[in-house]
Structures are given as structure tokens and as C-alpha cells.
């Protein structure tokens, strides 16, 4: 099947004592899994997250994080599976020190021995 969508909505309430990294926030994540063959699955996703750091002594910090990802799983044999993922995120903050973009790529080989 080429269409297998999912929607995830989460909320965060990180209240670390003694830290300025205390925040509240929410995240909306949309994904779709494409079962291309019985050995290959491709997953696409996109979303947006918001974070409000309300315990900072300097000033209120507000971040918005749109992100996108693409991952693949290829079953090479009964023992080996190839895993890959590319993820992009752009953190836009009202405090310029915390604004950045991030691109991460991962590749792995999984071995099943049972």
C-alpha cells in the first residue's frame, strides 16, 4: 500500500528544577508509510513544534520548529536490514542565539540473530 497516513499531536511540560530550559510546547507530526515491496518501506513526515520557555530570567523565549524527514527500511535478508533517515529542522526563535537549522542523516545495518 502506498498510502498509510498517521497524525500525532503531543504536548510537553518540561519543568526541570534549577534550569532555564523549562518549557511548555506542542508538536504536530504528519507521516505516511509507503510499503513499496515486501522488502522495502519508505516513510515521509513533516511537522511543526512550538516551545515557550517561560522561566528564563532574561526574557520569555519562544521557538517554532518546522521539520521534515524521509526514512527507508530495506530488508536485505532474513538476518540483515538496512536503515536510513534524513531529517531537517529549522529552529526559529525570538532570541537570535537559539535560531539555527539542522540537517542530520543516519544509516545503519541491523542484524537479527534469533
Protein backbone atom coordinates (compact mmCIF):
# COMPACT_ATOMS: atom_id res chain seq x y z
CA UNK A 1 0.00 0.00 0.00
CA UNK A 2 1.33 3.42 -0.95
CA UNK A 3 -0.88 5.35 1.43
CA UNK A 4 -0.75 4.75 5.16
CA UNK A 5 -1.01 8.18 6.83
CA UNK A 6 -0.79 8.97 10.53
CA UNK A 7 -1.18 12.11 12.61
CA UNK A 8 0.42 12.71 16.00
CA UNK A 9 -0.24 15.62 18.36
CA UNK A 10 1.84 15.83 21.54
CA UNK A 11 2.32 18.36 24.30
CA UNK A 12 5.36 18.97 26.50
CA UNK A 13 5.64 20.24 30.04
CA UNK A 14 9.36 20.12 30.86
CA UNK A 15 9.77 21.50 34.36
CA UNK A 16 13.41 20.89 35.25
CA UNK A 17 14.14 22.48 38.62
CA UNK A 18 17.08 24.89 38.67
CA UNK A 19 17.23 25.20 34.89
CA UNK A 20 16.32 27.92 32.40
CA UNK A 21 15.36 25.14 29.98
CA UNK A 22 11.89 24.76 31.49
CA UNK A 23 9.28 24.97 28.76
CA UNK A 24 5.81 24.08 27.57
CA UNK A 25 5.03 23.26 23.99
CA UNK A 26 3.18 21.23 21.41
CA UNK A 27 4.04 19.26 18.28
CA UNK A 28 2.01 18.23 15.24
CA UNK A 29 3.58 15.44 13.14
CA UNK A 30 2.14 14.01 9.89
CA UNK A 31 3.61 10.82 8.44
CA UNK A 32 2.98 8.42 5.60
CA UNK A 33 4.40 4.92 5.21
CA UNK A 34 4.76 3.53 1.71
CA UNK A 35 5.12 -0.25 1.54
CA UNK A 36 6.82 -0.32 -1.88
CA UNK A 37 7.60 -4.05 -1.81
CA UNK A 38 7.59 -6.74 0.87
CA UNK A 39 11.26 -5.83 1.47
CA UNK A 40 11.25 -2.02 1.23
CA UNK A 41 9.35 0.61 3.26
CA UNK A 42 9.67 4.35 2.75
CA UNK A 43 8.36 6.84 5.32
CA UNK A 44 7.87 10.57 4.83
CA UNK A 45 6.98 13.03 7.55
CA UNK A 46 6.60 16.71 8.26
CA UNK A 47 5.54 18.71 11.25
CA UNK A 48 5.84 21.75 13.39
CA UNK A 49 6.67 22.20 17.06
CA UNK A 50 6.41 25.18 19.38
CA UNK A 51 8.22 25.76 22.66
CA UNK A 52 7.68 28.53 25.23
CA UNK A 53 10.46 28.99 27.79
CA UNK A 54 8.61 31.00 30.43
CA UNK A 55 11.06 30.64 33.34
CA UNK A 56 14.03 32.46 31.79
CA UNK A 57 15.31 35.32 33.99
CA UNK A 58 16.26 37.41 30.91
CA UNK A 59 13.06 37.34 28.83
CA UNK A 60 10.41 35.00 27.51
CA UNK A 61 11.81 32.78 24.77
CA UNK A 62 9.56 31.36 22.05
CA UNK A 63 10.73 28.83 19.43
CA UNK A 64 8.99 27.48 16.34
CA UNK A 65 10.46 24.36 14.74
CA UNK A 66 9.18 23.20 11.35
CA UNK A 67 10.76 19.87 10.38
CA UNK A 68 10.69 17.20 7.68
CA UNK A 69 12.07 13.68 7.44
CA UNK A 70 12.46 10.82 5.00
CA UNK A 71 13.44 7.32 6.09
CA UNK A 72 13.76 3.93 4.47
CA UNK A 73 13.97 0.34 5.63
CA UNK A 74 15.28 -2.34 3.27
CA UNK A 75 15.20 -5.99 4.32
CA UNK A 76 18.34 -7.41 2.73
CA UNK A 77 17.94 -10.95 4.06
CA UNK A 78 16.34 -12.77 6.97
CA UNK A 79 19.22 -11.55 9.18
CA UNK A 80 20.12 -8.10 7.80
CA UNK A 81 18.09 -4.89 7.47
CA UNK A 82 19.39 -1.58 6.16
CA UNK A 83 18.02 1.53 7.92
CA UNK A 84 18.39 5.11 6.70
CA UNK A 85 16.98 8.52 7.62
CA UNK A 86 17.41 12.16 6.64
CA UNK A 87 15.89 14.82 8.89
CA UNK A 88 15.81 18.63 8.55
CA UNK A 89 14.75 21.10 11.25
CA UNK A 90 14.78 24.90 11.37
CA UNK A 91 14.56 26.38 14.86
CA UNK A 92 13.27 29.94 14.65
CA UNK A 93 13.49 31.75 17.99
CA UNK A 94 12.73 35.25 19.19
CA UNK A 95 16.16 35.07 20.89
CA UNK A 96 18.59 35.06 17.95
CA UNK A 97 21.19 32.95 19.79
CA UNK A 98 18.77 29.98 19.59
CA UNK A 99 17.87 30.25 15.87
CA UNK A 100 19.52 27.54 13.75
CA UNK A 101 18.95 24.94 11.05
CA UNK A 102 19.92 21.30 11.37
CA UNK A 103 20.31 18.54 8.77
CA UNK A 104 21.00 15.01 10.06
CA UNK A 105 21.50 11.82 8.05
CA UNK A 106 21.77 8.33 9.56
CA UNK A 107 22.49 4.94 8.03
CA UNK A 108 22.57 1.68 9.96
CA UNK A 109 22.69 -2.04 9.47
CA UNK A 110 20.60 -4.20 11.78
CA UNK A 111 21.45 -7.85 12.40
CA UNK A 112 18.90 -10.35 13.76
CA UNK A 113 20.50 -13.42 15.33
CA UNK A 114 17.41 -15.29 16.62
